[in-house]
Amino acid sequence: MLDAVPEERARALGLSGREREMAVLIARGLANKEIASELGISPGTVRTHIYNLYQKAGARSRVELLNKLES
């Protein structure tokens, strides 16, 4: 499981601090609503962050995203 996005990988992808935090919560298996509750933001904002993560990592799913962040 991803406990943190490796610094070098985060820098290479240009991830923001919030995007890195989001990736860790995704790795914990949280749903969008759970992530929103955990971070005190709206589910729509969560979707936006996840979309941005997918774009930056070149991923199309949560599993693919996590695989790319761990490699």
N, C-alpha and C. Protein backbone atom coordinates (compact mmCIF):
# COMPACT_ATOMS: atom_id res chain seq x y z
N MET A 1 0.84 -1.18 0.00
CA MET A 1 0.00 0.00 0.00
C MET A 1 0.88 1.24 0.00
N LEU A 2 0.40 2.26 -0.65
CA LEU A 2 1.12 3.52 -0.76
C LEU A 2 0.88 4.34 0.51
N ASP A 3 1.93 4.55 1.31
CA ASP A 3 1.81 5.37 2.52
C ASP A 3 2.12 6.82 2.22
N ALA A 4 2.91 7.05 1.20
CA ALA A 4 3.27 8.40 0.76
C ALA A 4 3.79 8.29 -0.67
N VAL A 5 3.56 9.34 -1.43
CA VAL A 5 4.09 9.37 -2.80
C VAL A 5 5.57 9.72 -2.69
N PRO A 6 6.44 8.89 -3.25
CA PRO A 6 7.87 9.21 -3.18
C PRO A 6 8.15 10.62 -3.72
N GLU A 7 8.96 11.36 -2.98
CA GLU A 7 9.25 12.76 -3.31
C GLU A 7 9.71 12.92 -4.76
N GLU A 8 10.62 12.07 -5.17
CA GLU A 8 11.15 12.18 -6.54
C GLU A 8 10.05 11.98 -7.58
N ARG A 9 9.16 11.01 -7.33
CA ARG A 9 8.06 10.73 -8.26
C ARG A 9 7.07 11.89 -8.28
N ALA A 10 6.75 12.43 -7.11
CA ALA A 10 5.82 13.56 -7.03
C ALA A 10 6.37 14.77 -7.77
N ARG A 11 7.65 15.02 -7.61
CA ARG A 11 8.29 16.15 -8.29
C ARG A 11 8.27 15.95 -9.80
N ALA A 12 8.58 14.73 -10.24
CA ALA A 12 8.62 14.43 -11.68
C ALA A 12 7.26 14.62 -12.33
N LEU A 13 6.19 14.30 -11.60
CA LEU A 13 4.84 14.44 -12.14
C LEU A 13 4.24 15.82 -11.89
N GLY A 14 4.89 16.62 -11.05
CA GLY A 14 4.37 17.95 -10.73
C GLY A 14 3.14 17.91 -9.84
N LEU A 15 3.10 16.95 -8.90
CA LEU A 15 1.95 16.82 -8.02
C LEU A 15 1.95 17.87 -6.92
N SER A 16 0.78 18.41 -6.65
CA SER A 16 0.63 19.34 -5.53
C SER A 16 0.56 18.54 -4.23
N GLY A 17 0.70 19.24 -3.13
CA GLY A 17 0.59 18.59 -1.83
C GLY A 17 -0.76 17.92 -1.65
N ARG A 18 -1.82 18.58 -2.09
CA ARG A 18 -3.17 18.03 -1.96
C ARG A 18 -3.33 16.78 -2.83
N GLU A 19 -2.74 16.80 -4.02
CA GLU A 19 -2.81 15.64 -4.91
C GLU A 19 -2.08 14.45 -4.29
N ARG A 20 -0.96 14.71 -3.65
CA ARG A 20 -0.21 13.64 -2.98
C ARG A 20 -1.04 13.06 -1.83
N GLU A 21 -1.67 13.94 -1.07
CA GLU A 21 -2.52 13.52 0.03
C GLU A 21 -3.69 12.66 -0.50
N MET A 22 -4.26 13.11 -1.60
CA MET A 22 -5.37 12.40 -2.24
C MET A 22 -4.93 10.99 -2.66
N ALA A 23 -3.75 10.86 -3.22
CA ALA A 23 -3.24 9.56 -3.67
C ALA A 23 -3.12 8.59 -2.50
N VAL A 24 -2.68 9.07 -1.37
CA VAL A 24 -2.54 8.20 -0.18
C VAL A 24 -3.92 7.73 0.29
N LEU A 25 -4.90 8.61 0.26
CA LEU A 25 -6.26 8.23 0.67
C LEU A 25 -6.88 7.24 -0.31
N ILE A 26 -6.59 7.41 -1.59
CA ILE A 26 -7.04 6.45 -2.60
C ILE A 26 -6.42 5.09 -2.31
N ALA A 27 -5.14 5.09 -1.97
CA ALA A 27 -4.44 3.84 -1.67
C ALA A 27 -5.02 3.14 -0.45
N ARG A 28 -5.56 3.92 0.47
CA ARG A 28 -6.21 3.34 1.66
C ARG A 28 -7.57 2.75 1.33
N GLY A 29 -8.04 2.96 0.08
CA GLY A 29 -9.31 2.39 -0.36
C GLY A 29 -10.52 3.25 -0.10
N LEU A 30 -10.31 4.52 0.24
CA LEU A 30 -11.43 5.39 0.51
C LEU A 30 -12.16 5.78 -0.77
N ALA A 31 -13.48 5.87 -0.68
CA ALA A 31 -14.32 6.34 -1.78
C ALA A 31 -14.26 7.87 -1.80
N ASN A 32 -14.72 8.46 -2.90
CA ASN A 32 -14.68 9.92 -3.04
C ASN A 32 -15.37 10.63 -1.88
N LYS A 33 -16.55 10.14 -1.48
CA LYS A 33 -17.27 10.78 -0.37
C LYS A 33 -16.49 10.69 0.94
N GLU A 34 -15.83 9.56 1.14
CA GLU A 34 -15.02 9.39 2.35
C GLU A 34 -13.81 10.32 2.34
N ILE A 35 -13.19 10.46 1.17
CA ILE A 35 -12.05 11.38 1.03
C ILE A 35 -12.51 12.80 1.31
N ALA A 36 -13.66 13.17 0.75
CA ALA A 36 -14.20 14.51 0.96
C ALA A 36 -14.43 14.78 2.44
N SER A 37 -15.01 13.83 3.13
CA SER A 37 -15.27 13.97 4.56
C SER A 37 -13.96 14.08 5.35
N GLU A 38 -13.01 13.24 5.01
CA GLU A 38 -11.70 13.24 5.69
C GLU A 38 -10.98 14.58 5.55
N LEU A 39 -11.08 15.19 4.35
CA LEU A 39 -10.35 16.43 4.07
C LEU A 39 -11.19 17.69 4.25
N GLY A 40 -12.48 17.53 4.50
CA GLY A 40 -13.35 18.69 4.67
C GLY A 40 -13.57 19.47 3.38
N ILE A 41 -13.66 18.74 2.27
CA ILE A 41 -13.90 19.37 0.97
C ILE A 41 -15.08 18.67 0.31
N SER A 42 -15.59 19.23 -0.78
CA SER A 42 -16.74 18.64 -1.45
C SER A 42 -16.32 17.45 -2.31
N PRO A 43 -17.25 16.52 -2.55
CA PRO A 43 -16.96 15.40 -3.45
C PRO A 43 -16.58 15.88 -4.86
N GLY A 44 -17.12 16.99 -5.29
CA GLY A 44 -16.76 17.55 -6.59
C GLY A 44 -15.30 17.97 -6.64
N THR A 45 -14.82 18.53 -5.56
CA THR A 45 -13.41 18.92 -5.48
C THR A 45 -12.52 17.68 -5.49
N VAL A 46 -12.97 16.63 -4.82
CA VAL A 46 -12.23 15.37 -4.83
C VAL A 46 -12.13 14.85 -6.26
N ARG A 47 -13.25 14.86 -6.99
CA ARG A 47 -13.24 14.40 -8.39
C ARG A 47 -12.26 15.20 -9.22
N THR A 48 -12.21 16.51 -9.00
CA THR A 48 -11.28 17.37 -9.74
C THR A 48 -9.83 16.99 -9.44
N HIS A 49 -9.51 16.79 -8.18
CA HIS A 49 -8.14 16.40 -7.81
C HIS A 49 -7.78 15.05 -8.42
N ILE A 50 -8.71 14.11 -8.38
CA ILE A 50 -8.44 12.78 -8.94
C ILE A 50 -8.26 12.88 -10.45
N TYR A 51 -9.09 13.67 -11.11
CA TYR A 51 -8.94 13.88 -12.55
C TYR A 51 -7.54 14.43 -12.86
N ASN A 52 -7.12 15.42 -12.08
CA ASN A 52 -5.79 16.01 -12.28
C ASN A 52 -4.69 14.98 -12.05
N LEU A 53 -4.85 14.15 -11.04
CA LEU A 53 -3.88 13.07 -10.79
C LEU A 53 -3.79 12.13 -11.98
N TYR A 54 -4.95 11.73 -12.49
CA TYR A 54 -4.97 10.84 -13.67
C TYR A 54 -4.24 11.48 -14.84
N GLN A 55 -4.50 12.75 -15.08
CA GLN A 55 -3.87 13.44 -16.21
C GLN A 55 -2.36 13.51 -16.04
N LYS A 56 -1.91 13.88 -14.87
CA LYS A 56 -0.48 14.03 -14.62
C LYS A 56 0.26 12.70 -14.68
N ALA A 57 -0.39 11.64 -14.21
CA ALA A 57 0.25 10.32 -14.18
C ALA A 57 0.01 9.52 -15.46
N GLY A 58 -0.90 10.00 -16.30
CA GLY A 58 -1.23 9.25 -17.51
C GLY A 58 -1.99 7.97 -17.17
N ALA A 59 -2.87 8.05 -16.18
CA ALA A 59 -3.61 6.88 -15.71
C ALA A 59 -5.08 7.00 -16.08
N ARG A 60 -5.76 5.84 -16.14
CA ARG A 60 -7.19 5.82 -16.45
C ARG A 60 -8.02 5.19 -15.34
N SER A 61 -7.36 4.73 -14.27
CA SER A 61 -8.08 4.12 -13.16
C SER A 61 -7.27 4.32 -11.88
N ARG A 62 -7.91 4.05 -10.76
CA ARG A 62 -7.21 4.17 -9.47
C ARG A 62 -6.06 3.18 -9.37
N VAL A 63 -6.29 1.97 -9.84
CA VAL A 63 -5.24 0.95 -9.78
C VAL A 63 -4.06 1.37 -10.63
N GLU A 64 -4.34 1.83 -11.84
CA GLU A 64 -3.25 2.27 -12.72
C GLU A 64 -2.52 3.47 -12.12
N LEU A 65 -3.26 4.39 -11.53
CA LEU A 65 -2.65 5.55 -10.88
C LEU A 65 -1.68 5.11 -9.79
N LEU A 66 -2.13 4.23 -8.91
CA LEU A 66 -1.28 3.79 -7.80
C LEU A 66 -0.06 3.03 -8.30
N ASN A 67 -0.24 2.22 -9.33
CA ASN A 67 0.92 1.51 -9.91
C ASN A 67 1.95 2.49 -10.44
N LYS A 68 1.49 3.55 -11.10
CA LYS A 68 2.41 4.53 -11.67
C LYS A 68 3.10 5.36 -10.58
N LEU A 69 2.39 5.63 -9.50
CA LEU A 69 2.98 6.41 -8.42
C LEU A 69 4.00 5.61 -7.62
N GLU A 70 3.81 4.31 -7.56
CA GLU A 70 4.74 3.46 -6.80
C GLU A 70 5.99 3.11 -7.59
N SER A 71 5.91 3.21 -8.92
CA SER A 71 7.06 2.81 -9.74
C SER A 71 8.09 3.91 -9.87
